[in-house]
Every structure is written in structure tokens, then in C-alpha cells.
């Protein structure tokens, strides 16, 4: 953990009066450098990097690379703003880390071994540790205390619970019939995968977390005020990736429906607007140092 006398990720010294900056923000730099570099290489050398994939899965990988070129610069900008004391930026930063960890699980486990394998694994590891460290560095009770009565708690909760539940049911509708009939989902066969990593991540971890965040928030529990904005940002970032990969697949004549991409894009807009409204309810004077946990051993 950085002390009050250590420099911030912005390059400026942080005096005791300004508070301290979580060490985990520093991991943003290698995440961004490796993530952007790997994505550019994937786009430019797609035949070599994704040459062993099916046409469908290769197109999705390239689409995800393109989305990374949007997400990672945003991650860096949020880290810089958080280093300067923005609580809003810090919560948004954790959301893009969720996106990064989610995305690089798929790269690491479901793309054939190749030149970028270690890059993907390192980005995955750094994202997971930065996310865990970043969340453990803040006090959710202090975060909740910085939200005013204007916070759209009920609206945000409805959005989170509805999106989480709808996608859970959607994935089950793709999974259960093939299980009962002893067949394989068509999309899985087209991608050439053993199992769908999106189904695994969403059903096991991500969608339950989204619904839980909505429930915690509507019950005014402290962690709801931390997880809700973070997961809204994560969902919007993932939606950008979905739209991007659909666009690449459609450009390659792989038959993706434009209507689905449009619906996902509109959903991303809704998620961003709800996140902005929620974060806008933070007190104007709220600073990151006010919501950080006290260092161990301090008075």
C-alpha cells in the first residue's frame, strides 16, 4: 500500500494533507501497455495469431481486440483521474478491470496457444490482482456515506436485476434444449469450442454478481454502492466488445444479425446513462482519500 508521501500515478507527489493513493492503480500501466500492444498485434497479424481458430471465432477475437483499443485507454484515463482523487473515476476503473479480467479469461483459455499467450495470461493476472486489491482498498460504508439522497437507487437496482435475470434466462434457453436433446448448441459448433466461455463466466460468476449488486443496492447495503457502478461500467464495456465482434463477423459475411448488435448497443447506452446518474449523486466534495480504508497499524 502506498503511503501519503509516495508519488501518485499522475507523477505528482501526494502530501499527507492530500491522502494516499492505492498501490493497485499502478498496475494500470502494464495492463494498458500489454493489452493495447497485444490487441494491435492481433489485428495486424490476425492470420498468425488466430489462424487455428474457426472463421467465426477468429472474427470474434479480432472484434474483441478492437474493443480493447477503446477500453484500455479509458482504463488509463480513469486511473489518472482516480490518482488525483476522483471517487467516480476509481469506481469506473474497477468496472473496466472486471471487463479486462473477463475478456482475458476467454483469451487465455479459449484461443489456441500462440505468440501472445503469455501476454494474455499476464494481463489476466494483473487485472485480477488490481481488481481484488482495488476493491479491498476502499471502505464501502464510507463510499455509501458520500452518496446523496438523489442517488437513483431503485432505478439502478431494477436495471441491474432485470439485465442479469434476462441474460441468465437467455443463456439457459440456449443451453438446456441441446442438453435435453443430446446435441450441441449451433453457436458452439460454429466457434469450434468445447464449451462457451461466455456461458461459463456469465452463469457462474458475472450475472449472479450483477443481480446481487442490484439487491444490495435496493436494500441500501454498503457494497451495493460500490458494486453497482462498477458492474454497470463493466457491462457497458462488454457490450462494446459484443457490438465490435458482431461488426467484424458481419463484415466477413458470417451472418450476424444487425438487429442484435443494435439492441446490444442501445443496452450499452442505457447502462452508461444509469451509471452516470448514479455516480452523479456522489457529493461534489467527495475525494478518494475519504473512502479508503485506514492502513493496518494506523490509529
C-alpha atoms as a PDB file:
ATOM      1  CA  UNK A   1       0.000   0.000   0.000  1.00  0.00           C
ATOM      2  CA  UNK A   2       1.373   3.408  -0.925  1.00  0.00           C
ATOM      3  CA  UNK A   3       1.959   5.863   1.871  1.00  0.00           C
ATOM      4  CA  UNK A   4       0.962   9.505   1.955  1.00  0.00           C
ATOM      5  CA  UNK A   5       4.459  10.516   0.846  1.00  0.00           C
ATOM      6  CA  UNK A   6       4.667   8.347  -2.254  1.00  0.00           C
ATOM      7  CA  UNK A   7       4.032   9.675  -5.774  1.00  0.00           C
ATOM      8  CA  UNK A   8       0.683   9.158  -7.439  1.00  0.00           C
ATOM      9  CA  UNK A   9       0.206   7.553 -10.867  1.00  0.00           C
ATOM     10  CA  UNK A  10      -0.101  11.097 -12.261  1.00  0.00           C
ATOM     11  CA  UNK A  11       3.516  11.818 -11.373  1.00  0.00           C
ATOM     12  CA  UNK A  12       2.718  14.371  -8.668  1.00  0.00           C
ATOM     13  CA  UNK A  13       3.741  13.855  -5.060  1.00  0.00           C
ATOM     14  CA  UNK A  14       0.881  13.206  -2.684  1.00  0.00           C
ATOM     15  CA  UNK A  15       1.268  15.127   0.555  1.00  0.00           C
ATOM     16  CA  UNK A  16      -0.170  13.936   3.867  1.00  0.00           C
ATOM     17  CA  UNK A  17      -2.941  16.512   3.516  1.00  0.00           C
ATOM     18  CA  UNK A  18      -3.980  15.040   0.162  1.00  0.00           C
ATOM     19  CA  UNK A  19      -4.138  11.445   1.383  1.00  0.00           C
ATOM     20  CA  UNK A  20      -2.645   8.320  -0.081  1.00  0.00           C
ATOM     21  CA  UNK A  21      -3.113   6.569  -3.384  1.00  0.00           C
ATOM     22  CA  UNK A  22      -3.732   2.807  -3.600  1.00  0.00           C
ATOM     23  CA  UNK A  23      -0.757   0.913  -4.991  1.00  0.00           C
ATOM     24  CA  UNK A  24      -3.087  -1.052  -7.253  1.00  0.00           C
ATOM     25  CA  UNK A  25      -3.597   1.924  -9.545  1.00  0.00           C
ATOM     26  CA  UNK A  26      -0.015   1.466 -10.675  1.00  0.00           C
ATOM     27  CA  UNK A  27      -0.882  -1.892 -12.239  1.00  0.00           C
ATOM     28  CA  UNK A  28      -2.939   0.023 -14.785  1.00  0.00           C
ATOM     29  CA  UNK A  29       0.160   0.941 -16.784  1.00  0.00           C
ATOM     30  CA  UNK A  30       1.373  -2.609 -17.587  1.00  0.00           C
ATOM     31  CA  UNK A  31      -2.215  -3.743 -18.168  1.00  0.00           C
ATOM     32  CA  UNK A  32      -2.758  -0.977 -20.716  1.00  0.00           C
ATOM     33  CA  UNK A  33       0.623  -1.342 -22.426  1.00  0.00           C
ATOM     34  CA  UNK A  34       0.352  -5.116 -22.776  1.00  0.00           C
ATOM     35  CA  UNK A  35      -3.357  -5.067 -23.602  1.00  0.00           C
ATOM     36  CA  UNK A  36      -3.055  -2.440 -26.333  1.00  0.00           C
ATOM     37  CA  UNK A  37       0.123  -3.973 -27.776  1.00  0.00           C
ATOM     38  CA  UNK A  38      -1.371  -7.461 -27.875  1.00  0.00           C
ATOM     39  CA  UNK A  39      -4.594  -6.211 -29.442  1.00  0.00           C
ATOM     40  CA  UNK A  40      -2.768  -4.278 -32.175  1.00  0.00           C
ATOM     41  CA  UNK A  41      -0.680  -7.355 -32.958  1.00  0.00           C
ATOM     42  CA  UNK A  42      -3.820  -9.489 -33.038  1.00  0.00           C
ATOM     43  CA  UNK A  43      -5.479  -7.146 -35.523  1.00  0.00           C
ATOM     44  CA  UNK A  44      -2.428  -6.702 -37.765  1.00  0.00           C
ATOM     45  CA  UNK A  45      -1.243 -10.325 -37.680  1.00  0.00           C
ATOM     46  CA  UNK A  46      -4.628 -11.976 -37.369  1.00  0.00           C
ATOM     47  CA  UNK A  47      -3.743 -14.867 -39.702  1.00  0.00           C
ATOM     48  CA  UNK A  48      -0.850 -15.866 -37.460  1.00  0.00           C
ATOM     49  CA  UNK A  49      -2.447 -15.161 -34.088  1.00  0.00           C
ATOM     50  CA  UNK A  50      -5.896 -16.594 -34.845  1.00  0.00           C
ATOM     51  CA  UNK A  51      -5.054 -18.852 -37.774  1.00  0.00           C
ATOM     52  CA  UNK A  52      -6.016 -22.019 -35.895  1.00  0.00           C
ATOM     53  CA  UNK A  53      -9.497 -20.731 -34.985  1.00  0.00           C
ATOM     54  CA  UNK A  54     -12.679 -21.210 -36.952  1.00  0.00           C
ATOM     55  CA  UNK A  55     -13.700 -18.245 -39.129  1.00  0.00           C
ATOM     56  CA  UNK A  56     -16.412 -17.331 -36.608  1.00  0.00           C
ATOM     57  CA  UNK A  57     -14.177 -17.428 -33.526  1.00  0.00           C
ATOM     58  CA  UNK A  58     -11.324 -15.593 -35.273  1.00  0.00           C
ATOM     59  CA  UNK A  59     -13.679 -12.780 -36.262  1.00  0.00           C
ATOM     60  CA  UNK A  60     -14.920 -12.527 -32.680  1.00  0.00           C
ATOM     61  CA  UNK A  61     -11.339 -12.384 -31.383  1.00  0.00           C
ATOM     62  CA  UNK A  62     -10.441  -9.555 -33.751  1.00  0.00           C
ATOM     63  CA  UNK A  63     -13.609  -7.703 -32.788  1.00  0.00           C
ATOM     64  CA  UNK A  64     -12.608  -8.038 -29.156  1.00  0.00           C
ATOM     65  CA  UNK A  65      -9.130  -6.705 -29.973  1.00  0.00           C
ATOM     66  CA  UNK A  66     -10.751  -3.627 -31.498  1.00  0.00           C
ATOM     67  CA  UNK A  67     -12.898  -3.107 -28.394  1.00  0.00           C
ATOM     68  CA  UNK A  68      -9.777  -3.352 -26.216  1.00  0.00           C
ATOM     69  CA  UNK A  69      -8.374  -0.316 -28.027  1.00  0.00           C
ATOM     70  CA  UNK A  70     -11.305   1.625 -26.588  1.00  0.00           C
ATOM     71  CA  UNK A  71     -11.415   0.062 -23.121  1.00  0.00           C
ATOM     72  CA  UNK A  72      -7.740   0.227 -22.176  1.00  0.00           C
ATOM     73  CA  UNK A  73      -7.183   3.937 -22.918  1.00  0.00           C
ATOM     74  CA  UNK A  74     -10.344   4.584 -20.889  1.00  0.00           C
ATOM     75  CA  UNK A  75      -8.849   2.495 -18.062  1.00  0.00           C
ATOM     76  CA  UNK A  76      -5.705   4.643 -18.107  1.00  0.00           C
ATOM     77  CA  UNK A  77      -7.659   7.905 -18.063  1.00  0.00           C
ATOM     78  CA  UNK A  78      -9.778   6.683 -15.153  1.00  0.00           C
ATOM     79  CA  UNK A  79      -6.661   5.614 -13.230  1.00  0.00           C
ATOM     80  CA  UNK A  80      -5.131   9.066 -13.693  1.00  0.00           C
ATOM     81  CA  UNK A  81      -8.329  10.761 -12.521  1.00  0.00           C
ATOM     82  CA  UNK A  82      -8.569   8.363  -9.558  1.00  0.00           C
ATOM     83  CA  UNK A  83      -4.945   9.139  -8.674  1.00  0.00           C
ATOM     84  CA  UNK A  84      -5.966  12.787  -8.493  1.00  0.00           C
ATOM     85  CA  UNK A  85      -8.690  11.910  -6.004  1.00  0.00           C
ATOM     86  CA  UNK A  86     -11.836  11.128  -8.015  1.00  0.00           C
ATOM     87  CA  UNK A  87     -14.098   8.574  -6.366  1.00  0.00           C
ATOM     88  CA  UNK A  88     -16.196   8.358  -9.527  1.00  0.00           C
ATOM     89  CA  UNK A  89     -13.141   7.523 -11.623  1.00  0.00           C
ATOM     90  CA  UNK A  90     -11.985   4.921  -9.114  1.00  0.00           C
ATOM     91  CA  UNK A  91     -15.301   3.062  -9.221  1.00  0.00           C
ATOM     92  CA  UNK A  92     -15.298   3.247 -13.018  1.00  0.00           C
ATOM     93  CA  UNK A  93     -11.718   1.947 -13.030  1.00  0.00           C
ATOM     94  CA  UNK A  94     -12.773  -1.154 -11.108  1.00  0.00           C
ATOM     95  CA  UNK A  95     -15.533  -1.711 -13.663  1.00  0.00           C
ATOM     96  CA  UNK A  96     -13.142  -1.784 -16.612  1.00  0.00           C
ATOM     97  CA  UNK A  97     -10.893  -4.121 -14.635  1.00  0.00           C
ATOM     98  CA  UNK A  98     -13.864  -6.502 -14.442  1.00  0.00           C
ATOM     99  CA  UNK A  99     -14.122  -6.232 -18.235  1.00  0.00           C
ATOM    100  CA  UNK A 100     -10.401  -6.908 -18.610  1.00  0.00           C
ATOM    101  CA  UNK A 101     -10.386  -9.937 -16.317  1.00  0.00           C
ATOM    102  CA  UNK A 102     -13.498 -11.354 -18.026  1.00  0.00           C
ATOM    103  CA  UNK A 103     -12.090 -10.824 -21.511  1.00  0.00           C
ATOM    104  CA  UNK A 104      -8.653 -12.244 -20.803  1.00  0.00           C
ATOM    105  CA  UNK A 105     -10.059 -15.384 -19.226  1.00  0.00           C
ATOM    106  CA  UNK A 106     -11.500 -16.057 -22.681  1.00  0.00           C
ATOM    107  CA  UNK A 107      -8.271 -15.214 -24.497  1.00  0.00           C
ATOM    108  CA  UNK A 108      -6.195 -17.356 -22.125  1.00  0.00           C
ATOM    109  CA  UNK A 109      -8.449 -20.428 -22.066  1.00  0.00           C
ATOM    110  CA  UNK A 110     -10.240 -20.427 -25.409  1.00  0.00           C
ATOM    111  CA  UNK A 111      -7.799 -19.182 -28.034  1.00  0.00           C
ATOM    112  CA  UNK A 112      -5.190 -21.609 -29.369  1.00  0.00           C
ATOM    113  CA  UNK A 113      -1.706 -21.398 -27.892  1.00  0.00           C
ATOM    114  CA  UNK A 114       0.448 -18.919 -29.788  1.00  0.00           C
ATOM    115  CA  UNK A 115       2.817 -15.932 -29.618  1.00  0.00           C
ATOM    116  CA  UNK A 116       0.506 -13.825 -27.432  1.00  0.00           C
ATOM    117  CA  UNK A 117      -0.314 -16.496 -24.857  1.00  0.00           C
ATOM    118  CA  UNK A 118       1.922 -15.079 -22.122  1.00  0.00           C
ATOM    119  CA  UNK A 119       0.692 -11.552 -22.833  1.00  0.00           C
ATOM    120  CA  UNK A 120      -2.887 -12.684 -22.309  1.00  0.00           C
ATOM    121  CA  UNK A 121      -2.005 -14.544 -19.106  1.00  0.00           C
ATOM    122  CA  UNK A 122      -0.110 -11.572 -17.656  1.00  0.00           C
ATOM    123  CA  UNK A 123      -2.948  -9.148 -18.437  1.00  0.00           C
ATOM    124  CA  UNK A 124      -5.396 -11.578 -16.841  1.00  0.00           C
ATOM    125  CA  UNK A 125      -3.307 -11.905 -13.685  1.00  0.00           C
ATOM    126  CA  UNK A 126      -2.653  -8.182 -13.326  1.00  0.00           C
ATOM    127  CA  UNK A 127      -6.333  -7.389 -13.893  1.00  0.00           C
ATOM    128  CA  UNK A 128      -7.474  -9.860 -11.245  1.00  0.00           C
ATOM    129  CA  UNK A 129      -4.973  -8.649  -8.648  1.00  0.00           C
ATOM    130  CA  UNK A 130      -5.664  -4.982  -9.409  1.00  0.00           C
ATOM    131  CA  UNK A 131      -9.400  -5.605  -9.073  1.00  0.00           C
ATOM    132  CA  UNK A 132      -9.120  -7.502  -5.788  1.00  0.00           C
ATOM    133  CA  UNK A 133      -6.635  -5.021  -4.378  1.00  0.00           C
ATOM    134  CA  UNK A 134      -8.606  -2.040  -5.615  1.00  0.00           C
ATOM    135  CA  UNK A 135     -11.861  -3.203  -4.051  1.00  0.00           C
ATOM    136  CA  UNK A 136     -10.187  -4.195  -0.778  1.00  0.00           C
ATOM    137  CA  UNK A 137      -8.586  -0.736  -0.504  1.00  0.00           C
ATOM    138  CA  UNK A 138     -11.869   1.121  -0.185  1.00  0.00           C
ATOM    139  CA  UNK A 139     -14.349   1.183   2.670  1.00  0.00           C
ATOM    140  CA  UNK A 140     -17.860   0.537   1.291  1.00  0.00           C
ATOM    141  CA  UNK A 141     -19.502   2.210   4.287  1.00  0.00           C
ATOM    142  CA  UNK A 142     -17.565   5.396   3.555  1.00  0.00           C
ATOM    143  CA  UNK A 143     -18.499   5.136  -0.115  1.00  0.00           C
ATOM    144  CA  UNK A 144     -22.197   4.854   0.747  1.00  0.00           C
ATOM    145  CA  UNK A 145     -21.943   7.902   3.026  1.00  0.00           C
ATOM    146  CA  UNK A 146     -20.762  10.014   0.083  1.00  0.00           C
ATOM    147  CA  UNK A 147     -23.912   9.395  -1.957  1.00  0.00           C
ATOM    148  CA  UNK A 148     -26.663  11.984  -1.616  1.00  0.00           C
ATOM    149  CA  UNK A 149     -30.389  11.316  -1.442  1.00  0.00           C
ATOM    150  CA  UNK A 150     -30.546  11.996  -5.184  1.00  0.00           C
ATOM    151  CA  UNK A 151     -28.982   8.601  -5.940  1.00  0.00           C
ATOM    152  CA  UNK A 152     -31.325   6.675  -8.299  1.00  0.00           C
ATOM    153  CA  UNK A 153     -31.172   3.580  -6.139  1.00  0.00           C
ATOM    154  CA  UNK A 154     -34.398   1.924  -7.234  1.00  0.00           C
ATOM    155  CA  UNK A 155     -33.914   2.614 -10.950  1.00  0.00           C
ATOM    156  CA  UNK A 156     -30.353   1.328 -10.872  1.00  0.00           C
ATOM    157  CA  UNK A 157     -31.389  -1.779  -8.969  1.00  0.00           C
ATOM    158  CA  UNK A 158     -34.171  -2.543 -11.456  1.00  0.00           C
ATOM    159  CA  UNK A 159     -31.768  -2.190 -14.381  1.00  0.00           C
ATOM    160  CA  UNK A 160     -29.175  -4.477 -12.802  1.00  0.00           C
ATOM    161  CA  UNK A 161     -31.612  -7.178 -11.693  1.00  0.00           C
ATOM    162  CA  UNK A 162     -33.514  -7.097 -14.984  1.00  0.00           C
ATOM    163  CA  UNK A 163     -30.421  -7.323 -17.203  1.00  0.00           C
ATOM    164  CA  UNK A 164     -28.868 -10.028 -15.056  1.00  0.00           C
ATOM    165  CA  UNK A 165     -32.058 -12.104 -14.984  1.00  0.00           C
ATOM    166  CA  UNK A 166     -32.867 -11.706 -18.689  1.00  0.00           C
ATOM    167  CA  UNK A 167     -29.415 -12.774 -19.833  1.00  0.00           C
ATOM    168  CA  UNK A 168     -29.421 -15.667 -17.388  1.00  0.00           C
ATOM    169  CA  UNK A 169     -32.672 -16.927 -18.900  1.00  0.00           C
ATOM    170  CA  UNK A 170     -31.395 -16.245 -22.421  1.00  0.00           C
ATOM    171  CA  UNK A 171     -28.269 -18.364 -21.905  1.00  0.00           C
ATOM    172  CA  UNK A 172     -30.296 -21.137 -20.288  1.00  0.00           C
ATOM    173  CA  UNK A 173     -32.597 -21.154 -23.331  1.00  0.00           C
ATOM    174  CA  UNK A 174     -29.508 -21.793 -25.479  1.00  0.00           C
ATOM    175  CA  UNK A 175     -28.125 -24.481 -23.186  1.00  0.00           C
ATOM    176  CA  UNK A 176     -30.994 -26.535 -21.780  1.00  0.00           C
ATOM    177  CA  UNK A 177     -32.673 -27.701 -25.057  1.00  0.00           C
ATOM    178  CA  UNK A 178     -29.401 -29.119 -26.502  1.00  0.00           C
ATOM    179  CA  UNK A 179     -28.693 -30.853 -23.193  1.00  0.00           C
ATOM    180  CA  UNK A 180     -32.140 -32.470 -23.244  1.00  0.00           C
ATOM    181  CA  UNK A 181     -31.816 -33.487 -26.901  1.00  0.00           C
ATOM    182  CA  UNK A 182     -28.231 -34.693 -26.581  1.00  0.00           C
ATOM    183  CA  UNK A 183     -26.937 -32.213 -29.179  1.00  0.00           C
ATOM    184  CA  UNK A 184     -24.502 -29.276 -29.209  1.00  0.00           C
ATOM    185  CA  UNK A 185     -25.586 -25.602 -29.472  1.00  0.00           C
ATOM    186  CA  UNK A 186     -25.203 -24.318 -33.023  1.00  0.00           C
ATOM    187  CA  UNK A 187     -23.154 -21.300 -31.959  1.00  0.00           C
ATOM    188  CA  UNK A 188     -20.742 -23.565 -30.123  1.00  0.00           C
ATOM    189  CA  UNK A 189     -20.195 -25.702 -33.181  1.00  0.00           C
ATOM    190  CA  UNK A 190     -19.593 -22.623 -35.340  1.00  0.00           C
ATOM    191  CA  UNK A 191     -16.983 -21.312 -32.918  1.00  0.00           C
ATOM    192  CA  UNK A 192     -15.271 -24.705 -32.753  1.00  0.00           C
ATOM    193  CA  UNK A 193     -15.175 -24.709 -28.955  1.00  0.00           C
ATOM    194  CA  UNK A 194     -15.706 -27.410 -26.366  1.00  0.00           C
ATOM    195  CA  UNK A 195     -17.833 -25.129 -24.185  1.00  0.00           C
ATOM    196  CA  UNK A 196     -18.885 -21.490 -24.489  1.00  0.00           C
ATOM    197  CA  UNK A 197     -16.694 -19.378 -22.159  1.00  0.00           C
ATOM    198  CA  UNK A 198     -19.303 -16.606 -22.091  1.00  0.00           C
ATOM    199  CA  UNK A 199     -21.895 -19.056 -20.774  1.00  0.00           C
ATOM    200  CA  UNK A 200     -19.469 -20.275 -18.121  1.00  0.00           C
ATOM    201  CA  UNK A 201     -18.393 -16.824 -16.916  1.00  0.00           C
ATOM    202  CA  UNK A 202     -21.878 -15.325 -17.019  1.00  0.00           C
ATOM    203  CA  UNK A 203     -23.784 -18.169 -15.397  1.00  0.00           C
ATOM    204  CA  UNK A 204     -21.178 -18.965 -12.747  1.00  0.00           C
ATOM    205  CA  UNK A 205     -19.893 -15.521 -11.772  1.00  0.00           C
ATOM    206  CA  UNK A 206     -20.820 -12.378 -13.667  1.00  0.00           C
ATOM    207  CA  UNK A 207     -24.628 -12.421 -13.887  1.00  0.00           C
ATOM    208  CA  UNK A 208     -25.100 -13.546 -10.255  1.00  0.00           C
ATOM    209  CA  UNK A 209     -22.828 -10.648  -9.247  1.00  0.00           C
ATOM    210  CA  UNK A 210     -24.940  -8.226 -11.303  1.00  0.00           C
ATOM    211  CA  UNK A 211     -28.170  -9.389  -9.669  1.00  0.00           C
ATOM    212  CA  UNK A 212     -26.543  -9.378  -6.225  1.00  0.00           C
ATOM    213  CA  UNK A 213     -25.349  -5.797  -6.746  1.00  0.00           C
ATOM    214  CA  UNK A 214     -28.908  -4.762  -7.579  1.00  0.00           C
ATOM    215  CA  UNK A 215     -30.301  -6.484  -4.490  1.00  0.00           C
ATOM    216  CA  UNK A 216     -27.632  -4.983  -2.213  1.00  0.00           C
ATOM    217  CA  UNK A 217     -28.239  -1.530  -3.618  1.00  0.00           C
ATOM    218  CA  UNK A 218     -32.024  -1.579  -3.248  1.00  0.00           C
ATOM    219  CA  UNK A 219     -31.515  -2.714   0.344  1.00  0.00           C
ATOM    220  CA  UNK A 220     -29.118   0.207   0.875  1.00  0.00           C
ATOM    221  CA  UNK A 221     -26.265  -2.135   1.745  1.00  0.00           C
ATOM    222  CA  UNK A 222     -22.826  -0.526   1.553  1.00  0.00           C
ATOM    223  CA  UNK A 223     -21.323  -2.894  -1.007  1.00  0.00           C
ATOM    224  CA  UNK A 224     -24.203  -2.172  -3.364  1.00  0.00           C
ATOM    225  CA  UNK A 225     -22.924   1.391  -3.787  1.00  0.00           C
ATOM    226  CA  UNK A 226     -19.525   0.044  -4.807  1.00  0.00           C
ATOM    227  CA  UNK A 227     -20.534  -2.888  -6.982  1.00  0.00           C
ATOM    228  CA  UNK A 228     -23.465  -1.266  -8.817  1.00  0.00           C
ATOM    229  CA  UNK A 229     -21.495   1.459 -10.657  1.00  0.00           C
ATOM    230  CA  UNK A 230     -18.557  -0.872 -11.246  1.00  0.00           C
ATOM    231  CA  UNK A 231     -20.708  -3.576 -12.822  1.00  0.00           C
ATOM    232  CA  UNK A 232     -22.662  -1.077 -14.916  1.00  0.00           C
ATOM    233  CA  UNK A 233     -19.357   0.133 -16.385  1.00  0.00           C
ATOM    234  CA  UNK A 234     -18.251  -3.478 -16.867  1.00  0.00           C
ATOM    235  CA  UNK A 235     -21.478  -4.386 -18.678  1.00  0.00           C
ATOM    236  CA  UNK A 236     -21.237  -1.343 -20.938  1.00  0.00           C
ATOM    237  CA  UNK A 237     -17.625  -2.214 -21.773  1.00  0.00           C
ATOM    238  CA  UNK A 238     -18.533  -5.817 -22.549  1.00  0.00           C
ATOM    239  CA  UNK A 239     -21.410  -4.599 -24.714  1.00  0.00           C
ATOM    240  CA  UNK A 240     -18.973  -2.504 -26.760  1.00  0.00           C
ATOM    241  CA  UNK A 241     -16.967  -5.685 -27.291  1.00  0.00           C
ATOM    242  CA  UNK A 242     -20.049  -7.597 -28.411  1.00  0.00           C
ATOM    243  CA  UNK A 243     -21.018  -4.889 -30.905  1.00  0.00           C
ATOM    244  CA  UNK A 244     -17.449  -4.770 -32.205  1.00  0.00           C
ATOM    245  CA  UNK A 245     -17.131  -8.513 -32.721  1.00  0.00           C
ATOM    246  CA  UNK A 246     -20.547  -8.644 -34.373  1.00  0.00           C
ATOM    247  CA  UNK A 247     -19.488  -5.878 -36.754  1.00  0.00           C
ATOM    248  CA  UNK A 248     -16.309  -7.746 -37.715  1.00  0.00           C
ATOM    249  CA  UNK A 249     -18.224 -11.005 -38.183  1.00  0.00           C
ATOM    250  CA  UNK A 250     -20.846  -9.258 -40.338  1.00  0.00           C
ATOM    251  CA  UNK A 251     -18.128  -7.562 -42.427  1.00  0.00           C
ATOM    252  CA  UNK A 252     -16.676 -11.023 -43.103  1.00  0.00           C
ATOM    253  CA  UNK A 253     -20.034 -12.349 -44.214  1.00  0.00           C
ATOM    254  CA  UNK A 254     -20.583 -14.639 -41.242  1.00  0.00           C
ATOM    255  CA  UNK A 255     -24.263 -13.848 -40.911  1.00  0.00           C
ATOM    256  CA  UNK A 256     -24.551 -11.910 -37.649  1.00  0.00           C
ATOM    257  CA  UNK A 257     -27.896 -10.111 -37.382  1.00  0.00           C
ATOM    258  CA  UNK A 258     -27.520  -6.306 -37.298  1.00  0.00           C
ATOM    259  CA  UNK A 259     -30.623  -6.025 -35.148  1.00  0.00           C
ATOM    260  CA  UNK A 260     -28.921  -7.897 -32.307  1.00  0.00           C
ATOM    261  CA  UNK A 261     -25.912  -5.613 -32.490  1.00  0.00           C
ATOM    262  CA  UNK A 262     -28.175  -2.556 -32.420  1.00  0.00           C
ATOM    263  CA  UNK A 263     -30.026  -3.888 -29.368  1.00  0.00           C
ATOM    264  CA  UNK A 264     -26.768  -4.536 -27.519  1.00  0.00           C
ATOM    265  CA  UNK A 265     -25.535  -1.066 -28.464  1.00  0.00           C
ATOM    266  CA  UNK A 266     -28.688   0.546 -27.098  1.00  0.00           C
ATOM    267  CA  UNK A 267     -28.341  -1.529 -23.937  1.00  0.00           C
ATOM    268  CA  UNK A 268     -24.791  -0.193 -23.518  1.00  0.00           C
ATOM    269  CA  UNK A 269     -26.111   3.359 -23.788  1.00  0.00           C
ATOM    270  CA  UNK A 270     -28.688   2.639 -21.078  1.00  0.00           C
ATOM    271  CA  UNK A 271     -26.012   1.154 -18.817  1.00  0.00           C
ATOM    272  CA  UNK A 272     -23.750   4.171 -19.282  1.00  0.00           C
ATOM    273  CA  UNK A 273     -26.583   6.626 -18.604  1.00  0.00           C
ATOM    274  CA  UNK A 274     -27.635   4.785 -15.437  1.00  0.00           C
ATOM    275  CA  UNK A 275     -24.013   4.636 -14.246  1.00  0.00           C
ATOM    276  CA  UNK A 276     -23.556   8.365 -14.909  1.00  0.00           C
ATOM    277  CA  UNK A 277     -26.738   9.205 -12.994  1.00  0.00           C
ATOM    278  CA  UNK A 278     -25.712   7.047 -10.058  1.00  0.00           C
ATOM    279  CA  UNK A 279     -22.166   8.389  -9.885  1.00  0.00           C
ATOM    280  CA  UNK A 280     -23.511  11.897 -10.348  1.00  0.00           C
ATOM    281  CA  UNK A 281     -25.228  11.536  -6.972  1.00  0.00           C
ATOM    282  CA  UNK A 282     -21.863  11.458  -5.183  1.00  0.00           C
ATOM    283  CA  UNK A 283     -21.158  14.554  -3.109  1.00  0.00           C
ATOM    284  CA  UNK A 284     -19.148  17.069  -5.172  1.00  0.00           C
ATOM    285  CA  UNK A 285     -16.596  17.294  -2.368  1.00  0.00           C
ATOM    286  CA  UNK A 286     -16.066  13.515  -2.163  1.00  0.00           C
ATOM    287  CA  UNK A 287     -12.419  12.529  -2.620  1.00  0.00           C
ATOM    288  CA  UNK A 288     -10.796   9.139  -2.889  1.00  0.00           C
ATOM    289  CA  UNK A 289      -8.832   9.610   0.330  1.00  0.00           C
ATOM    290  CA  UNK A 290     -12.145   9.940   2.165  1.00  0.00           C
ATOM    291  CA  UNK A 291     -13.300   6.439   1.213  1.00  0.00           C
ATOM    292  CA  UNK A 292     -10.062   4.471   1.538  1.00  0.00           C
ATOM    293  CA  UNK A 293      -9.565   2.020   4.353  1.00  0.00           C
ATOM    294  CA  UNK A 294      -7.079   3.104   7.000  1.00  0.00           C
ATOM    295  CA  UNK A 295      -3.678   1.359   6.670  1.00  0.00           C
ATOM    296  CA  UNK A 296      -3.065  -1.502   9.061  1.00  0.00           C
ATOM    297  CA  UNK A 297      -1.437  -0.364  12.237  1.00  0.00           C
ATOM    298  CA  UNK A 298      -2.611   3.226  11.880  1.00  0.00           C
ATOM    299  CA  UNK A 299      -4.521   4.982  14.590  1.00  0.00           C
END
